[in-house]
C-alpha atoms as a PDB file:
ATOM      1  CA  MET A   1       7.812  -4.253   7.700  1.00  0.00           C
ATOM      2  CA  ALA A   2       8.403  -5.759  11.254  1.00  0.00           C
ATOM      3  CA  ARG A   3       8.534  -3.835  14.278  1.00  0.00           C
ATOM      4  CA  GLY A   4      12.163  -2.900  15.252  1.00  0.00           C
ATOM      5  CA  GLU A   5      13.472  -3.593  11.937  1.00  0.00           C
ATOM      6  CA  PRO A   6      15.811  -0.775  10.289  1.00  0.00           C
ATOM      7  CA  ILE A   7      13.717   1.535   8.143  1.00  0.00           C
ATOM      8  CA  GLY A   8      15.156   1.968   4.427  1.00  0.00           C
ATOM      9  CA  ILE A   9      14.142   3.240   1.066  1.00  0.00           C
ATOM     10  CA  ALA A  10      15.160   1.519  -2.035  1.00  0.00           C
ATOM     11  CA  GLY A  11      17.642  -0.795  -0.280  1.00  0.00           C
ATOM     12  CA  ARG A  12      19.447   2.030   1.377  1.00  0.00           C
ATOM     13  CA  ALA A  13      19.502   2.584   5.316  1.00  0.00           C
ATOM     14  CA  VAL A  14      17.891   5.820   6.444  1.00  0.00           C
ATOM     15  CA  SER A  15      21.441   6.895   7.449  1.00  0.00           C
ATOM     16  CA  GLU A  16      22.431   6.769   3.946  1.00  0.00           C
ATOM     17  CA  LEU A  17      19.798   9.083   2.573  1.00  0.00           C
ATOM     18  CA  PRO A  18      20.365  12.993   2.369  1.00  0.00           C
ATOM     19  CA  LEU A  19      19.276  15.094   5.280  1.00  0.00           C
ATOM     20  CA  PHE A  20      16.743  17.770   4.513  1.00  0.00           C
ATOM     21  CA  ALA A  21      16.158  21.098   6.501  1.00  0.00           C
ATOM     22  CA  ARG A  22      12.854  20.611   8.165  1.00  0.00           C
ATOM     23  CA  ALA A  23      13.014  24.140   9.799  1.00  0.00           C
ATOM     24  CA  ARG A  24      14.343  27.364   8.647  1.00  0.00           C
ATOM     25  CA  ARG A  25      16.872  29.368  10.636  1.00  0.00           C
ATOM     26  CA  VAL A  26      14.213  32.088  11.165  1.00  0.00           C
ATOM     27  CA  ASP A  27      11.549  29.660  12.298  1.00  0.00           C
ATOM     28  CA  PRO A  28      10.825  29.625  16.372  1.00  0.00           C
ATOM     29  CA  ALA A  29      12.545  27.192  18.505  1.00  0.00           C
ATOM     30  CA  SER A  30       9.098  25.018  18.670  1.00  0.00           C
ATOM     31  CA  SER A  31       9.671  24.460  14.800  1.00  0.00           C
ATOM     32  CA  HIS A  32      13.302  23.148  15.260  1.00  0.00           C
ATOM     33  CA  ALA A  33      12.168  21.058  18.214  1.00  0.00           C
ATOM     34  CA  ALA A  34       9.448  19.454  16.151  1.00  0.00           C
ATOM     35  CA  ALA A  35      11.938  18.853  13.155  1.00  0.00           C
ATOM     36  CA  GLU A  36      14.320  17.294  15.467  1.00  0.00           C
ATOM     37  CA  ASP A  37      11.725  15.113  16.846  1.00  0.00           C
ATOM     38  CA  LEU A  38      10.439  14.099  13.277  1.00  0.00           C
ATOM     39  CA  GLU A  39      13.953  12.861  12.387  1.00  0.00           C
ATOM     40  CA  GLU A  40      15.069  11.168  15.602  1.00  0.00           C
ATOM     41  CA  SER A  41      11.823   9.360  16.081  1.00  0.00           C
ATOM     42  CA  GLY A  42      12.028   7.717  12.670  1.00  0.00           C
ATOM     43  CA  ARG A  43       8.649   9.269  11.441  1.00  0.00           C
ATOM     44  CA  ALA A  44      10.348  11.225   8.391  1.00  0.00           C
ATOM     45  CA  ALA A  45      11.763   7.902   7.234  1.00  0.00           C
ATOM     46  CA  ARG A  46       8.608   5.979   7.694  1.00  0.00           C
ATOM     47  CA  GLN A  47       6.731   8.697   5.848  1.00  0.00           C
ATOM     48  CA  ALA A  48       9.080   8.892   3.120  1.00  0.00           C
ATOM     49  CA  ALA A  49       8.956   5.055   2.640  1.00  0.00           C
ATOM     50  CA  LEU A  50       5.343   5.327   2.627  1.00  0.00           C
ATOM     51  CA  VAL A  51       5.182   7.940  -0.027  1.00  0.00           C
ATOM     52  CA  LEU A  52       7.823   6.115  -2.264  1.00  0.00           C
ATOM     53  CA  ASP A  53       5.539   3.000  -1.960  1.00  0.00           C
ATOM     54  CA  LEU A  54       2.416   5.207  -2.928  1.00  0.00           C
ATOM     55  CA  VAL A  55       4.283   6.436  -6.094  1.00  0.00           C
ATOM     56  CA  ARG A  56       5.391   2.940  -7.156  1.00  0.00           C
ATOM     57  CA  ARG A  57       1.775   1.637  -6.652  1.00  0.00           C
ATOM     58  CA  TRP A  58       0.302   4.641  -8.677  1.00  0.00           C
ATOM     59  CA  PRO A  59       2.977   6.179 -11.063  1.00  0.00           C
ATOM     60  CA  GLY A  60       1.901   9.243 -12.781  1.00  0.00           C
ATOM     61  CA  SER A  61      -0.271  10.613 -10.048  1.00  0.00           C
ATOM     62  CA  THR A  62      -0.413  14.033  -8.553  1.00  0.00           C
ATOM     63  CA  SER A  63       0.407  14.287  -4.632  1.00  0.00           C
ATOM     64  CA  LYS A  64      -3.333  14.673  -4.173  1.00  0.00           C
ATOM     65  CA  GLU A  65      -4.156  11.587  -5.861  1.00  0.00           C
ATOM     66  CA  LEU A  66      -1.463   9.815  -3.954  1.00  0.00           C
ATOM     67  CA  ALA A  67      -2.747  10.972  -0.881  1.00  0.00           C
ATOM     68  CA  GLN A  68      -6.327  10.104  -1.597  1.00  0.00           C
ATOM     69  CA  ARG A  69      -5.445   6.638  -2.703  1.00  0.00           C
ATOM     70  CA  GLY A  70      -3.169   6.096   0.216  1.00  0.00           C
ATOM     71  CA  GLY A  71      -5.516   7.508   2.753  1.00  0.00           C
ATOM     72  CA  VAL A  72      -3.013   9.803   4.188  1.00  0.00           C
ATOM     73  CA  ASP A  73      -2.711  13.621   4.646  1.00  0.00           C
ATOM     74  CA  ARG A  74      -2.209  15.413   1.471  1.00  0.00           C
ATOM     75  CA  TYR A  75       0.386  17.806   2.931  1.00  0.00           C
ATOM     76  CA  LEU A  76       2.571  14.692   4.394  1.00  0.00           C
ATOM     77  CA  VAL A  77       2.768  13.294   0.757  1.00  0.00           C
ATOM     78  CA  ALA A  78       3.632  17.024  -0.457  1.00  0.00           C
ATOM     79  CA  ARG A  79       6.389  17.381   1.926  1.00  0.00           C
ATOM     80  CA  ARG A  80       8.123  14.091   1.369  1.00  0.00           C
ATOM     81  CA  LEU A  81       8.093  14.042  -2.415  1.00  0.00           C
ATOM     82  CA  PRO A  82      10.597  16.894  -2.985  1.00  0.00           C
ATOM     83  CA  GLU A  83      12.819  15.188  -0.482  1.00  0.00           C
ATOM     84  CA  LEU A  84      12.362  11.804  -2.386  1.00  0.00           C
ATOM     85  CA  ALA A  85      13.132  13.729  -5.723  1.00  0.00           C
ATOM     86  CA  ALA A  86      16.288  15.124  -4.310  1.00  0.00           C
ATOM     87  CA  ALA A  87      17.358  11.651  -3.211  1.00  0.00           C
ATOM     88  CA  GLY A  88      16.887  10.438  -6.622  1.00  0.00           C
ATOM     89  CA  GLU A  89      13.921   8.092  -5.823  1.00  0.00           C
ATOM     90  CA  VAL A  90      11.084   9.793  -7.704  1.00  0.00           C
ATOM     91  CA  GLU A  91      10.904  12.119 -10.615  1.00  0.00           C
ATOM     92  CA  ARG A  92       8.293  14.887 -11.154  1.00  0.00           C
ATOM     93  CA  VAL A  93       7.072  15.610 -14.376  1.00  0.00           C
ATOM     94  CA  GLY A  94       5.546  19.020 -14.582  1.00  0.00           C
ATOM     95  CA  GLY A  95       2.579  20.707 -16.245  1.00  0.00           C
ATOM     96  CA  ALA A  96       1.582  24.311 -16.637  1.00  0.00           C
ATOM     97  CA  THR A  97       0.597  24.538 -12.944  1.00  0.00           C
ATOM     98  CA  LYS A  98       1.466  22.900  -9.696  1.00  0.00           C
ATOM     99  CA  ARG A  99      -1.749  20.975  -9.867  1.00  0.00           C
ATOM    100  CA  GLU A 100      -0.655  19.216 -12.892  1.00  0.00           C
ATOM    101  CA  LEU A 101       2.641  17.938 -11.465  1.00  0.00           C
ATOM    102  CA  ARG A 102       2.948  14.081 -11.730  1.00  0.00           C
ATOM    103  CA  TRP A 103       5.289  11.989  -9.843  1.00  0.00           C
ATOM    104  CA  TRP A 104       7.104   8.809 -11.095  1.00  0.00           C
ATOM    105  CA  PRO A 105       9.330   6.332  -9.610  1.00  0.00           C
ATOM    106  CA  ARG A 106      13.177   6.457 -10.858  1.00  0.00           C
END
């Protein structure tokens, strides 16, 4: 992706993707400021695009496996996966525990 290009996921512009609450009403103002910065800077969209790419490269992996294979923070992956699932981009297939959850592209 070239610098300055609009970031999109699965052919959709970021503006077309659903918004997600990144801070709860009871969280401190600093959390709300950080959440706003994450959106406005485009980092959330870039992270989502990265995680979607990881799921497509390694379908059926856990969030931990995706993070290890992609060389990124496990929690970054774990935060973006439910958002991608809500947007209909990935599907989680559950096991008996959270550790057994596997992620698949749609």
